[in-house]
C-alpha atoms as a PDB file:
ATOM      1  CA  UNK A   1     -44.516 -73.494-106.725  1.00  0.00           C
ATOM      2  CA  UNK A   2     -46.216 -72.035-103.771  1.00  0.00           C
ATOM      3  CA  UNK A   3     -44.262 -70.060-101.219  1.00  0.00           C
ATOM      4  CA  UNK A   4     -44.956 -69.251 -97.552  1.00  0.00           C
ATOM      5  CA  UNK A   5     -42.843 -66.686 -95.743  1.00  0.00           C
ATOM      6  CA  UNK A   6     -42.471 -66.399 -92.066  1.00  0.00           C
ATOM      7  CA  UNK A   7     -40.185 -65.130 -89.307  1.00  0.00           C
ATOM      8  CA  UNK A   8     -40.920 -61.455 -89.425  1.00  0.00           C
ATOM      9  CA  UNK A   9     -41.440 -59.329 -86.278  1.00  0.00           C
ATOM     10  CA  UNK A  10     -40.461 -56.180 -84.452  1.00  0.00           C
ATOM     11  CA  UNK A  11     -37.049 -55.778 -83.101  1.00  0.00           C
ATOM     12  CA  UNK A  12     -34.752 -52.764 -81.976  1.00  0.00           C
ATOM     13  CA  UNK A  13     -31.888 -51.448 -84.112  1.00  0.00           C
ATOM     14  CA  UNK A  14     -28.890 -53.739 -83.989  1.00  0.00           C
ATOM     15  CA  UNK A  15     -31.048 -56.872 -83.420  1.00  0.00           C
ATOM     16  CA  UNK A  16     -31.464 -59.930 -85.586  1.00  0.00           C
ATOM     17  CA  UNK A  17     -34.228 -61.791 -87.270  1.00  0.00           C
ATOM     18  CA  UNK A  18     -34.235 -64.921 -89.502  1.00  0.00           C
ATOM     19  CA  UNK A  19     -36.903 -65.238 -92.231  1.00  0.00           C
ATOM     20  CA  UNK A  20     -37.934 -68.436 -93.651  1.00  0.00           C
ATOM     21  CA  UNK A  21     -39.705 -69.246 -96.946  1.00  0.00           C
ATOM     22  CA  UNK A  22     -41.127 -72.770 -97.376  1.00  0.00           C
ATOM     23  CA  UNK A  23     -41.862 -73.923-100.792  1.00  0.00           C
ATOM     24  CA  UNK A  24     -44.327 -76.666-102.062  1.00  0.00           C
ATOM     25  CA  UNK A  25     -43.541 -79.225-104.651  1.00  0.00           C
ATOM     26  CA  UNK A  26     -40.754 -81.599-105.394  1.00  0.00           C
ATOM     27  CA  UNK A  27     -39.033 -79.327-107.871  1.00  0.00           C
ATOM     28  CA  UNK A  28     -37.962 -76.694-105.218  1.00  0.00           C
ATOM     29  CA  UNK A  29     -34.218 -77.335-105.814  1.00  0.00           C
ATOM     30  CA  UNK A  30     -34.654 -76.451-109.379  1.00  0.00           C
ATOM     31  CA  UNK A  31     -35.646 -72.860-108.472  1.00  0.00           C
ATOM     32  CA  UNK A  32     -33.617 -69.708-108.091  1.00  0.00           C
ATOM     33  CA  UNK A  33     -34.765 -68.048-104.958  1.00  0.00           C
ATOM     34  CA  UNK A  34     -34.826 -64.466-103.951  1.00  0.00           C
ATOM     35  CA  UNK A  35     -35.828 -62.071-101.119  1.00  0.00           C
ATOM     36  CA  UNK A  36     -37.289 -58.633-101.858  1.00  0.00           C
ATOM     37  CA  UNK A  37     -38.818 -56.011 -99.592  1.00  0.00           C
ATOM     38  CA  UNK A  38     -41.212 -53.097 -99.936  1.00  0.00           C
ATOM     39  CA  UNK A  39     -41.200 -50.206 -97.516  1.00  0.00           C
ATOM     40  CA  UNK A  40     -44.372 -48.119 -97.000  1.00  0.00           C
ATOM     41  CA  UNK A  41     -44.965 -45.818 -99.954  1.00  0.00           C
ATOM     42  CA  UNK A  42     -41.998 -47.229-101.891  1.00  0.00           C
ATOM     43  CA  UNK A  43     -41.528 -49.714-104.578  1.00  0.00           C
ATOM     44  CA  UNK A  44     -40.522 -53.429-104.016  1.00  0.00           C
ATOM     45  CA  UNK A  45     -36.695 -53.647-104.221  1.00  0.00           C
ATOM     46  CA  UNK A  46     -34.309 -56.634-104.537  1.00  0.00           C
ATOM     47  CA  UNK A  47     -32.528 -57.725-101.375  1.00  0.00           C
ATOM     48  CA  UNK A  48     -30.682 -61.043-102.039  1.00  0.00           C
ATOM     49  CA  UNK A  49     -30.850 -64.038-104.342  1.00  0.00           C
ATOM     50  CA  UNK A  50     -29.416 -67.534-104.502  1.00  0.00           C
ATOM     51  CA  UNK A  51     -28.989 -69.850-107.240  1.00  0.00           C
ATOM     52  CA  UNK A  52     -29.909 -73.496-107.652  1.00  0.00           C
ATOM     53  CA  UNK A  53     -27.550 -75.357-105.390  1.00  0.00           C
ATOM     54  CA  UNK A  54     -26.462 -72.320-103.686  1.00  0.00           C
ATOM     55  CA  UNK A  55     -23.206 -71.663-105.600  1.00  0.00           C
ATOM     56  CA  UNK A  56     -24.053 -68.030-106.613  1.00  0.00           C
ATOM     57  CA  UNK A  57     -25.301 -65.502-104.201  1.00  0.00           C
ATOM     58  CA  UNK A  58     -25.859 -61.729-104.804  1.00  0.00           C
ATOM     59  CA  UNK A  59     -26.912 -59.023-102.227  1.00  0.00           C
ATOM     60  CA  UNK A  60     -28.216 -55.513-102.553  1.00  0.00           C
ATOM     61  CA  UNK A  61     -25.463 -53.135-101.514  1.00  0.00           C
ATOM     62  CA  UNK A  62     -27.563 -51.951 -98.570  1.00  0.00           C
ATOM     63  CA  UNK A  63     -27.601 -55.204 -96.839  1.00  0.00           C
ATOM     64  CA  UNK A  64     -24.156 -56.704 -97.686  1.00  0.00           C
ATOM     65  CA  UNK A  65     -22.352 -57.874 -94.648  1.00  0.00           C
ATOM     66  CA  UNK A  66     -25.563 -57.792 -92.621  1.00  0.00           C
ATOM     67  CA  UNK A  67     -27.825 -60.307 -94.365  1.00  0.00           C
ATOM     68  CA  UNK A  68     -27.114 -63.859 -95.316  1.00  0.00           C
ATOM     69  CA  UNK A  69     -29.299 -65.899 -97.775  1.00  0.00           C
ATOM     70  CA  UNK A  70     -29.298 -69.702 -97.651  1.00  0.00           C
ATOM     71  CA  UNK A  71     -31.327 -72.632 -98.732  1.00  0.00           C
ATOM     72  CA  UNK A  72     -31.988 -76.218 -97.546  1.00  0.00           C
ATOM     73  CA  UNK A  73     -33.411 -78.103-100.533  1.00  0.00           C
ATOM     74  CA  UNK A  74     -34.230 -81.111 -98.279  1.00  0.00           C
ATOM     75  CA  UNK A  75     -36.617 -78.838 -96.450  1.00  0.00           C
ATOM     76  CA  UNK A  76     -37.768 -77.000 -99.372  1.00  0.00           C
ATOM     77  CA  UNK A  77     -36.842 -73.798 -97.590  1.00  0.00           C
ATOM     78  CA  UNK A  78     -34.899 -70.651 -98.170  1.00  0.00           C
ATOM     79  CA  UNK A  79     -33.708 -68.461 -95.253  1.00  0.00           C
ATOM     80  CA  UNK A  80     -32.481 -64.989 -94.756  1.00  0.00           C
ATOM     81  CA  UNK A  81     -30.521 -64.214 -91.718  1.00  0.00           C
ATOM     82  CA  UNK A  82     -30.694 -60.547 -90.921  1.00  0.00           C
ATOM     83  CA  UNK A  83     -28.296 -59.095 -88.395  1.00  0.00           C
ATOM     84  CA  UNK A  84     -27.448 -55.462 -87.328  1.00  0.00           C
ATOM     85  CA  UNK A  85     -30.908 -54.447 -88.415  1.00  0.00           C
ATOM     86  CA  UNK A  86     -31.487 -50.683 -89.012  1.00  0.00           C
ATOM     87  CA  UNK A  87     -34.717 -48.738 -88.978  1.00  0.00           C
ATOM     88  CA  UNK A  88     -34.403 -48.387 -92.718  1.00  0.00           C
ATOM     89  CA  UNK A  89     -34.738 -52.273 -93.046  1.00  0.00           C
ATOM     90  CA  UNK A  90     -38.371 -51.770 -91.962  1.00  0.00           C
ATOM     91  CA  UNK A  91     -40.454 -53.335 -94.776  1.00  0.00           C
ATOM     92  CA  UNK A  92     -42.639 -56.086 -95.830  1.00  0.00           C
ATOM     93  CA  UNK A  93     -40.280 -58.970 -97.010  1.00  0.00           C
ATOM     94  CA  UNK A  94     -41.291 -61.194 -99.851  1.00  0.00           C
ATOM     95  CA  UNK A  95     -39.668 -64.378-101.085  1.00  0.00           C
ATOM     96  CA  UNK A  96     -39.699 -65.365-104.675  1.00  0.00           C
ATOM     97  CA  UNK A  97     -38.800 -68.134-106.977  1.00  0.00           C
ATOM     98  CA  UNK A  98     -37.845 -68.436-110.594  1.00  0.00           C
ATOM     99  CA  UNK A  99     -36.007 -70.353-113.137  1.00  0.00           C
ATOM    100  CA  UNK A 100     -33.428 -67.602-113.901  1.00  0.00           C
ATOM    101  CA  UNK A 101     -31.525 -65.259-111.540  1.00  0.00           C
ATOM    102  CA  UNK A 102     -33.231 -62.255-112.978  1.00  0.00           C
ATOM    103  CA  UNK A 103     -36.840 -63.526-113.417  1.00  0.00           C
ATOM    104  CA  UNK A 104     -38.940 -64.348-110.318  1.00  0.00           C
ATOM    105  CA  UNK A 105     -42.555 -64.901-111.368  1.00  0.00           C
ATOM    106  CA  UNK A 106     -43.597 -66.882-108.217  1.00  0.00           C
ATOM    107  CA  UNK A 107     -44.133 -64.945-105.018  1.00  0.00           C
ATOM    108  CA  UNK A 108     -44.932 -65.582-101.333  1.00  0.00           C
ATOM    109  CA  UNK A 109     -47.404 -63.511 -99.209  1.00  0.00           C
ATOM    110  CA  UNK A 110     -44.827 -61.370 -97.399  1.00  0.00           C
ATOM    111  CA  UNK A 111     -43.912 -60.935 -93.788  1.00  0.00           C
ATOM    112  CA  UNK A 112     -43.541 -57.707 -91.903  1.00  0.00           C
ATOM    113  CA  UNK A 113     -40.173 -56.699 -90.388  1.00  0.00           C
ATOM    114  CA  UNK A 114     -40.193 -53.608 -88.216  1.00  0.00           C
ATOM    115  CA  UNK A 115     -37.010 -52.088 -86.736  1.00  0.00           C
ATOM    116  CA  UNK A 116     -37.275 -49.393 -84.145  1.00  0.00           C
ATOM    117  CA  UNK A 117     -34.581 -46.951 -83.203  1.00  0.00           C
END
């Protein structure tokens, strides 16, 4: 599967953004999907993931209550709604796909999110 992330940008603290990740191929619905982020000088970290069909969702503690992951398999797209953004959310955000919740071998190119105080 090939993934294309979009929707990043620059916002002030407290603002919102919605990231999208479009996947290619007919088997998109068969993948678990996740969002990860990498801040400058730091390692890439897990943000959120959603199971096939969307029945199971997990979030990193740092984004619980502010971020919402969802998927629309008819559009081969996974979303991440990000509200109440903080400067520490500044990072390059990557979407990823896999066949298990803990293994994501397929990655998109990343989209930059910058939150100013």
